Amino acid sequence: MALAAAATSFPPATVHAQEAAERQWNFSVFLDGAPIGEHRFRLTALEPGSRSLESTALFTVRVLGVPLYRYRHEARELWRGDCLARIASDTDDDGTRNAVRQDFAPDTGCLRSFAYWNPAILVSQPLLDPQTGKTETVQVSREEDGVVTVRGQPRPATRWRLVGPKYPIDVWYATGSGEWVGLDSTVRGGRKLSYRLP
């Protein structure tokens, strides 16, 4: 049901992402409601049918002002149509470093990463984890709609849940426009990680 609903509900948002010359999502990131950093995405149109995505995440979790956990992630992706053609990423997960360098030939099929900006991922299996370079099978379900604060204003949004081998992820898209406007996940220790557009 979820995959069929995704296929019929989201084509307008996918087209919108393709036509824009450049789009940006500059998310503030929160852990249990406290700010811990930011995650920025910039999607740029190249020659017809191709797009590049640059993303940078910087998180620092502090307790009583003392840094207890740091995370840095940078990724550069090349997309041809709705398919991933190349990825290069570097991650420092609190001292554990990982680098991914992969190219994907068109004849190997259409692979997509966890590219929340593109609702086409809701009908994709499997998805590539840009931090590890591994593919993950996820279950997608439509959850109860709600309201998400976007740039200081409440906006009705649809919610889709992605469940894989790690933590479940709820992705929010603005009702009507299909714009990606938020993300929530329950992470280690039952804590809530949230992305919101300031």
Foldseek 3Di string as FASTA:
>chain_A
DQLVCLVPPPPLLQVVLLPDQKDKFWWFKDKLRHTFWIKIKMWHDDPRQKIKIWIWTWGFDDDPRHTDWIKIKIKIWMGRHQATAWMWMWIQGRNDIDIDTDGDDVVVDGAAAPPLQRSVCSNDPWHADNRHRDTWGWDKDWDDWDWAQAPNRTATWTWMWIDTPAWIKIWTAGPPNRGTAKMWTQHPPRIIMMIGHD
